[in-house]
Amino acid sequence: MKHTSGDDIEWVLVYTTNTELDGRMYQANLQGAGIPCEILSQVDTTRMLNIGELALVKIFVPKEHKEEAILIIKSIEENNSEEAD
């Protein structure tokens, strides 16, 4: 999935989660690395739905930053799994 903004930036999906908190955490890490990042949240806060397709938080970055963003996300996930062990 991709879309183009009004300023001709092609945004690509790099990560999907089901919690707003996770999405914001990944966004902060990507932005801290100098990667522009946008979140599309489909979480229904009125009903507190946070399961399945009804509660997706999607993270988009410009196409030219896709590979770097994926590496950062994988690094975060690896660190989180090591801490859980």
Protein backbone atom coordinates (compact mmCIF):
# COMPACT_ATOMS: atom_id res chain seq x y z
CA MET A 1 0.00 0.00 0.00
CA LYS A 2 1.29 3.41 -0.86
CA HIS A 3 -0.02 6.91 -1.35
CA THR A 4 1.34 10.17 -2.62
CA SER A 5 0.90 13.37 -0.65
CA GLY A 6 0.23 16.79 -2.13
CA ASP A 7 3.97 17.54 -2.18
CA ASP A 8 4.70 14.44 -4.30
CA ILE A 9 6.25 12.38 -1.52
CA GLU A 10 5.49 8.70 -2.04
CA TRP A 11 4.69 7.22 1.38
CA VAL A 12 5.02 3.46 1.93
CA LEU A 13 3.78 1.25 4.73
CA VAL A 14 6.61 -0.11 6.92
CA TYR A 15 4.85 -1.36 10.04
CA THR A 16 1.41 -2.24 11.39
CA THR A 17 0.48 -2.71 15.03
CA ASN A 18 -2.74 -2.76 17.03
CA THR A 19 -1.92 -0.25 19.74
CA GLU A 20 -1.55 3.51 19.48
CA LEU A 21 1.25 3.42 22.08
CA ASP A 22 3.38 1.05 19.98
CA GLY A 23 2.76 3.16 16.91
CA ARG A 24 3.85 6.35 18.69
CA MET A 25 6.95 4.61 20.08
CA TYR A 26 8.05 3.47 16.63
CA GLN A 27 7.25 6.91 15.20
CA ALA A 28 9.43 8.59 17.83
CA ASN A 29 12.35 6.25 17.10
CA LEU A 30 12.09 6.77 13.35
CA GLN A 31 11.83 10.54 13.69
CA GLY A 32 14.77 10.50 16.11
CA ALA A 33 16.78 8.85 13.33
CA GLY A 34 15.80 11.66 10.98
CA ILE A 35 13.17 9.70 9.06
CA PRO A 36 9.90 11.51 8.35
CA CYS A 37 7.03 9.38 9.57
CA GLU A 38 3.23 9.47 9.53
CA ILE A 39 0.76 7.34 11.46
CA LEU A 40 -2.67 6.28 10.29
CA SER A 41 -4.61 5.09 13.32
CA GLN A 42 -7.81 3.13 12.90
CA VAL A 43 -8.19 2.43 16.62
CA ASP A 44 -11.76 3.09 17.74
CA THR A 45 -11.22 5.04 20.95
CA THR A 46 -14.95 5.52 21.50
CA ARG A 47 -15.47 1.81 22.03
CA MET A 48 -11.94 0.94 23.17
CA LEU A 49 -11.63 -1.63 20.39
CA ASN A 50 -8.09 -2.84 20.06
CA ILE A 51 -8.38 -6.17 18.32
CA GLY A 52 -8.03 -7.35 14.76
CA GLU A 53 -8.69 -5.29 11.67
CA LEU A 54 -10.78 -2.83 13.70
CA ALA A 55 -7.71 -1.48 15.49
CA LEU A 56 -4.82 -1.02 13.12
CA VAL A 57 -2.11 1.58 13.52
CA LYS A 58 -0.11 1.89 10.31
CA ILE A 59 3.26 3.61 10.04
CA PHE A 60 4.29 5.20 6.75
CA VAL A 61 7.62 6.67 5.68
CA PRO A 62 8.79 8.23 2.40
CA LYS A 63 9.79 5.53 -0.09
CA GLU A 64 13.46 6.54 -0.05
CA HIS A 65 13.61 5.83 3.72
CA LYS A 66 11.85 2.46 3.60
CA GLU A 67 14.87 0.17 4.00
CA GLU A 68 16.43 2.22 6.81
CA ALA A 69 13.08 2.40 8.64
CA ILE A 70 12.59 -1.37 8.40
CA LEU A 71 16.08 -1.96 9.82
CA ILE A 72 15.34 0.35 12.77
CA ILE A 73 12.01 -1.36 13.45
CA LYS A 74 13.62 -4.82 13.30
CA SER A 75 16.32 -3.65 15.70
CA ILE A 76 13.69 -2.43 18.17
CA GLU A 77 11.78 -5.70 17.92
CA GLU A 78 14.97 -7.73 18.48
CA ASN A 79 15.83 -5.66 21.56
CA ASN A 80 12.30 -6.08 22.91
CA SER A 81 12.41 -9.87 22.45
CA GLU A 82 15.81 -10.08 24.15
CA GLU A 83 14.46 -8.13 27.14
CA ALA A 84 11.47 -10.48 27.36
CA ASP A 85 13.76 -13.55 27.61
